[in-house]
Structures are given as C-alpha cells and as structure tokens.
Amino acid sequence: MDEKSLKIYKSLFYLNLDSLKTLIQQESDLNLTFPIPEKIDYSEFSVKLTVFDILRMEIDIWARVNTHEDLKLITGFLPENIYKRALECKKYLDTKFPNFNADFEYVKHRDLMLDFYADKNYIDKETFNDFINKGFQSIDLELVNAAIARDEALVIDLLKSGANPTINISNGDSTISLLDYLEIMEASSFIEYNRHLMDNFNEYEYGDVFESLSDLYTASGNSKILLLIGFYKTNN
C-alpha cells in the first residue's frame, strides 16, 4: 500500500476530518488498494475499497453502538461523538465528490472476515433439507445463511417476506440462535476493532493495519445485519 493511501486509511479509521481534507484532493485519492500480507491465506492478492466503503463500515458500527448499552460498556469513547464525526466525514466527501459511485456491499467482501464460512453457506444443502424435514421453515433457514453471509439485500427481502430472526435451530449437539450468534460475533469483533482504534498505527507493521481492516469489516458487518433486523422487527 502506498504511503499516501495508508495515511488516508489511518485518517479514515480515526475519523480525522482535517487530515482527510488535506489528503483527499482528487477522485483518484478515493480508491484504496490493500495488499494481502503473506501470512494470511486469502483468495486474492489485494482488496480494493473506496474511502466511502470505509466510512460506510464505521457509520454502521457506531450507529449500532450508539443504541446498544452492552457495546457502550466496551469502548472508552462516546459513541454519539464518534458517530457524529463519521457522518461529518461522509457529508464533506459527498459534497466534494457528488458524482462518485459508492455502492459498497458487505457480501462482496466476505473474505475479509478471515472466517471458515466466508465463502460457503453456514447451513449446507444436506443440513438445510434435514431441518426442513424437522419442520423448520425454508425462509427462516435462508435468513440464517443470508445473515451470516452479510447479504444485506437478501436479508431485507427475507425479513420483509416474514422470516423470523429469532430462529433457534439444533442439529445433534449443535444449536444456534441467529441473534445470539450475531451479537456474540459483533461484541468480539468490536472489542478487536476498538483495541485498534485506541492504538497508534504508526508503531505497527502493515500486517497489523490489514488486521484492523478485517476487524472493522467483521464488526460492521454484524452491526449492519443487526441494525436491519432491529429495524424490520420494529416496523413489521
């Protein structure tokens, strides 16, 4: 990652608007390429994201933390202040680059979770059919897979169609509550993201910076799906 892009990423990570105003002067500055450290097994050689993608993730995290007391207890920051800073950064960049196409989708970057289930369904086809035979609804099982895949559009469609996000499924000794799974993942990844936020990246190797991106993605992906579930549970 070139030096300027790294500075832009760090400024985004810390939501330093003054620094972003200095660093981002032209549209090409909005595109960031993250090379994959050698120690990480990954499907590609690099990850391409935009400044707006990073901001989208931060906004999703802090929108959730701002309304969730358990997450507020984890951080030493005031969530409402961080959330406000994220929105201010986005407003500035929206104004400066009004025609930039920002179309971030979590599902397209699943590999950033560095997770076994990143490229497959949590409930495979055989197990899916077993659950159907036990009386589970197909739409609820589809919601489990869509949520764990961080597929926002599909999650929205399924929730609008009546999928039950409080589903609990068991298979032998294995039991999953979708909400419990997402909330546990959210809390653990938020702890890691928050740790990076409190640290000074200037002291670390690039691999640590990529790790911060993975933690940012994982925390925000869980937060986004939980925000969607909360919204559609309230409005349906």
Protein backbone atom coordinates (compact mmCIF):
# COMPACT_ATOMS: atom_id res chain seq x y z
CA MET A 1 0.00 0.00 0.00
CA ASP A 2 1.49 3.34 -0.98
CA GLU A 3 2.26 5.85 1.73
CA LYS A 4 -0.49 8.32 0.84
CA SER A 5 -3.20 5.65 0.75
CA LEU A 6 -2.03 4.37 4.10
CA LYS A 7 -2.28 7.88 5.54
CA ILE A 8 -5.78 8.23 4.11
CA TYR A 9 -6.82 4.91 5.62
CA LYS A 10 -5.49 5.85 9.03
CA SER A 11 -7.26 9.20 8.83
CA LEU A 12 -10.47 7.38 7.96
CA PHE A 13 -10.00 4.85 10.73
CA TYR A 14 -9.65 7.64 13.27
CA LEU A 15 -12.25 9.81 11.50
CA ASN A 16 -9.84 12.75 11.30
CA LEU A 17 -11.71 15.14 9.01
CA ASP A 18 -8.99 17.81 8.95
CA SER A 19 -6.47 15.24 7.76
CA LEU A 20 -8.87 13.91 5.12
CA LYS A 21 -9.42 17.43 3.76
CA THR A 22 -5.67 17.73 3.25
CA LEU A 23 -5.04 14.26 1.85
CA ILE A 24 -8.02 13.79 -0.46
CA GLN A 25 -7.77 16.31 -3.28
CA GLN A 26 -8.93 14.36 -6.35
CA GLU A 27 -11.19 11.43 -7.14
CA SER A 28 -8.29 9.01 -7.55
CA ASP A 29 -7.50 9.51 -3.86
CA LEU A 30 -10.81 7.82 -3.01
CA ASN A 31 -9.61 4.41 -4.21
CA LEU A 32 -7.60 2.30 -1.79
CA THR A 33 -5.83 -0.99 -2.53
CA PHE A 34 -4.92 -3.20 0.42
CA PRO A 35 -2.30 -5.85 -0.43
CA ILE A 36 -2.74 -9.10 1.49
CA PRO A 37 0.08 -9.85 3.97
CA GLU A 38 1.95 -13.06 3.15
CA LYS A 39 0.99 -14.70 6.45
CA ILE A 40 -2.73 -14.53 5.57
CA ASP A 41 -4.38 -17.16 3.37
CA TYR A 42 -6.64 -15.19 1.07
CA SER A 43 -8.47 -15.73 -2.21
CA GLU A 44 -6.99 -12.61 -3.88
CA PHE A 45 -3.69 -10.72 -3.81
CA SER A 46 -5.32 -7.49 -2.72
CA VAL A 47 -8.60 -5.91 -1.61
CA LYS A 48 -9.91 -2.82 -3.40
CA LEU A 49 -12.10 -0.50 -1.38
CA THR A 50 -13.04 3.15 -1.50
CA VAL A 51 -12.95 5.86 1.11
CA PHE A 52 -16.76 5.73 1.13
CA ASP A 53 -16.64 1.97 1.83
CA ILE A 54 -14.54 2.52 4.95
CA LEU A 55 -16.83 5.31 6.13
CA ARG A 56 -19.90 3.17 5.50
CA MET A 57 -18.47 0.50 7.78
CA GLU A 58 -17.63 2.97 10.53
CA ILE A 59 -21.07 4.58 10.34
CA ASP A 60 -22.75 1.17 10.65
CA ILE A 61 -20.67 0.25 13.70
CA TRP A 62 -21.28 3.45 15.60
CA ALA A 63 -24.96 3.65 14.67
CA ARG A 64 -25.32 0.30 16.42
CA VAL A 65 -23.06 1.09 19.40
CA ASN A 66 -24.90 4.36 19.91
CA THR A 67 -28.11 2.43 20.68
CA HIS A 68 -26.71 -0.67 22.39
CA GLU A 69 -25.79 -0.40 26.06
CA ASP A 70 -23.63 -3.56 26.19
CA LEU A 71 -21.41 -2.26 23.40
CA LYS A 72 -21.16 1.16 25.03
CA LEU A 73 -19.60 -0.52 28.06
CA ILE A 74 -16.81 -1.97 25.91
CA THR A 75 -15.50 1.29 24.49
CA GLY A 76 -13.78 4.21 26.14
CA PHE A 77 -15.20 6.56 23.51
CA LEU A 78 -18.50 8.41 23.47
CA PRO A 79 -20.40 6.63 20.67
CA GLU A 80 -22.55 9.62 19.80
CA ASN A 81 -19.43 11.72 19.22
CA ILE A 82 -17.74 9.09 17.03
CA TYR A 83 -20.94 8.56 15.06
CA LYS A 84 -21.25 12.31 14.51
CA ARG A 85 -17.63 12.51 13.29
CA ALA A 86 -18.25 9.67 10.83
CA LEU A 87 -21.31 11.44 9.42
CA GLU A 88 -19.38 14.71 9.15
CA CYS A 89 -16.61 13.00 7.17
CA LYS A 90 -19.15 11.45 4.81
CA LYS A 91 -21.03 14.74 4.36
CA TYR A 92 -17.81 16.53 3.44
CA LEU A 93 -16.80 13.88 0.90
CA ASP A 94 -20.33 13.62 -0.52
CA THR A 95 -20.22 17.35 -1.16
CA LYS A 96 -16.71 17.28 -2.64
CA PHE A 97 -17.38 14.27 -4.88
CA PRO A 98 -21.15 14.30 -5.57
CA ASN A 99 -20.93 12.04 -8.62
CA PHE A 100 -18.75 9.32 -7.14
CA ASN A 101 -20.43 5.90 -7.30
CA ALA A 102 -20.33 4.50 -3.76
CA ASP A 103 -22.00 1.09 -3.93
CA PHE A 104 -20.41 -0.92 -1.12
CA GLU A 105 -21.95 -4.35 -0.43
CA TYR A 106 -20.79 -6.39 2.56
CA VAL A 107 -21.45 -9.70 0.83
CA LYS A 108 -18.86 -8.94 -1.86
CA HIS A 109 -16.08 -8.75 0.72
CA ARG A 110 -16.92 -11.76 2.88
CA ASP A 111 -13.31 -12.99 2.77
CA LEU A 112 -12.34 -10.05 4.99
CA MET A 113 -13.92 -11.93 7.88
CA LEU A 114 -11.00 -14.39 7.62
CA ASP A 115 -13.62 -16.94 8.61
CA PHE A 116 -14.23 -20.56 7.61
CA TYR A 117 -17.75 -19.72 6.48
CA ALA A 118 -16.74 -16.71 4.41
CA ASP A 119 -17.19 -18.48 1.06
CA LYS A 120 -19.93 -21.00 1.88
CA ASN A 121 -23.38 -21.26 3.42
CA TYR A 122 -23.49 -21.74 7.17
CA ILE A 123 -26.23 -24.33 6.65
CA ASP A 124 -25.19 -26.58 3.78
CA LYS A 125 -27.71 -28.14 1.38
CA GLU A 126 -27.91 -31.51 3.15
CA THR A 127 -28.37 -29.98 6.60
CA PHE A 128 -30.86 -27.46 5.16
CA ASN A 129 -33.03 -30.34 3.90
CA ASP A 130 -32.74 -32.13 7.25
CA PHE A 131 -34.07 -29.03 9.01
CA ILE A 132 -36.95 -28.78 6.51
CA ASN A 133 -37.86 -32.39 7.31
CA LYS A 134 -37.88 -31.50 11.02
CA GLY A 135 -40.47 -28.79 10.40
CA PHE A 136 -38.37 -25.64 10.06
CA GLN A 137 -39.46 -23.02 7.56
CA SER A 138 -37.29 -22.60 4.48
CA ILE A 139 -37.48 -18.79 4.69
CA ASP A 140 -36.08 -18.80 8.24
CA LEU A 141 -33.18 -21.07 7.29
CA GLU A 142 -32.46 -18.87 4.29
CA LEU A 143 -32.30 -15.90 6.66
CA VAL A 144 -29.63 -17.65 8.75
CA ASN A 145 -27.45 -18.17 5.69
CA ALA A 146 -28.07 -14.65 4.36
CA ALA A 147 -27.31 -13.01 7.71
CA ILE A 148 -24.09 -14.92 8.27
CA ALA A 149 -23.07 -14.13 4.68
CA ARG A 150 -23.73 -10.42 5.42
CA ASP A 151 -26.01 -10.28 2.38
CA GLU A 152 -27.95 -7.11 3.21
CA ALA A 153 -30.27 -7.13 0.19
CA LEU A 154 -31.32 -10.75 0.74
CA VAL A 155 -31.74 -10.21 4.48
CA ILE A 156 -34.06 -7.27 3.78
CA ASP A 157 -36.11 -9.27 1.27
CA LEU A 158 -36.46 -12.21 3.66
CA LEU A 159 -37.41 -10.03 6.63
CA LYS A 160 -39.99 -8.20 4.51
CA SER A 161 -41.38 -11.60 3.50
CA GLY A 162 -41.83 -12.65 7.12
CA ALA A 163 -38.62 -14.52 8.00
CA ASN A 164 -38.17 -15.00 11.75
CA PRO A 165 -34.84 -13.60 13.02
CA THR A 166 -35.36 -15.21 16.44
CA ILE A 167 -34.97 -18.68 14.93
CA ASN A 168 -33.18 -21.30 17.05
CA ILE A 169 -32.02 -24.42 15.25
CA SER A 170 -30.29 -27.53 16.54
CA ASN A 171 -28.66 -30.48 14.86
CA GLY A 172 -27.46 -33.14 17.26
CA ASP A 173 -25.21 -31.41 19.79
CA SER A 174 -25.11 -28.15 17.81
CA THR A 175 -27.58 -25.33 18.49
CA ILE A 176 -27.66 -21.85 17.01
CA SER A 177 -29.74 -18.83 17.88
CA LEU A 178 -29.24 -16.45 14.98
CA LEU A 179 -29.45 -13.33 17.15
CA ASP A 180 -27.12 -14.78 19.80
CA TYR A 181 -24.61 -15.75 17.11
CA LEU A 182 -24.62 -12.29 15.54
CA GLU A 183 -24.44 -10.47 18.88
CA ILE A 184 -21.55 -12.62 20.15
CA MET A 185 -19.66 -12.12 16.89
CA GLU A 186 -20.40 -8.41 16.99
CA ALA A 187 -19.12 -7.99 20.55
CA SER A 188 -15.91 -9.97 20.00
CA SER A 189 -15.04 -8.21 16.72
CA PHE A 190 -15.96 -4.82 18.17
CA ILE A 191 -13.53 -5.42 21.03
CA GLU A 192 -10.74 -6.01 18.48
CA TYR A 193 -11.76 -3.03 16.35
CA ASN A 194 -11.94 -0.82 19.44
CA ARG A 195 -8.48 -2.00 20.51
CA HIS A 196 -7.04 -0.89 17.17
CA LEU A 197 -8.87 2.41 17.48
CA MET A 198 -7.17 3.07 20.81
CA ASP A 199 -3.73 2.13 19.47
CA ASN A 200 -1.25 4.09 17.37
CA PHE A 201 -0.89 2.51 13.92
CA ASN A 202 2.39 4.32 13.38
CA GLU A 203 4.01 1.80 15.72
CA TYR A 204 2.87 -1.25 13.75
CA GLU A 205 3.71 -3.23 10.64
CA TYR A 206 1.40 -3.18 7.65
CA GLY A 207 0.03 -6.60 8.63
CA ASP A 208 -1.45 -5.04 11.75
CA VAL A 209 -3.15 -2.40 9.63
CA PHE A 210 -4.71 -5.12 7.44
CA GLU A 211 -5.84 -6.88 10.61
CA SER A 212 -7.56 -3.64 11.63
CA LEU A 213 -9.43 -3.67 8.29
CA SER A 214 -10.58 -7.23 8.91
CA ASP A 215 -11.80 -6.33 12.40
CA LEU A 216 -13.52 -3.21 11.05
CA TYR A 217 -15.32 -5.25 8.38
CA THR A 218 -16.32 -8.06 10.74
CA ALA A 219 -17.65 -5.71 13.41
CA SER A 220 -19.53 -3.53 10.95
CA GLY A 221 -20.97 -6.47 9.01
CA ASN A 222 -22.51 -7.91 12.14
CA SER A 223 -23.69 -4.48 13.25
CA LYS A 224 -25.36 -3.82 9.89
CA ILE A 225 -27.31 -7.07 9.90
CA LEU A 226 -28.43 -6.48 13.49
CA LEU A 227 -29.49 -2.93 12.61
CA LEU A 228 -31.58 -4.32 9.75
CA ILE A 229 -33.16 -6.97 11.96
CA GLY A 230 -33.96 -4.36 14.61
CA PHE A 231 -35.50 -2.02 12.03
CA TYR A 232 -37.73 -4.61 10.39
CA LYS A 233 -38.78 -6.19 13.69
CA THR A 234 -39.89 -2.72 14.85
CA ASN A 235 -41.65 -1.78 11.61
CA ASN A 236 -43.41 -5.08 10.79
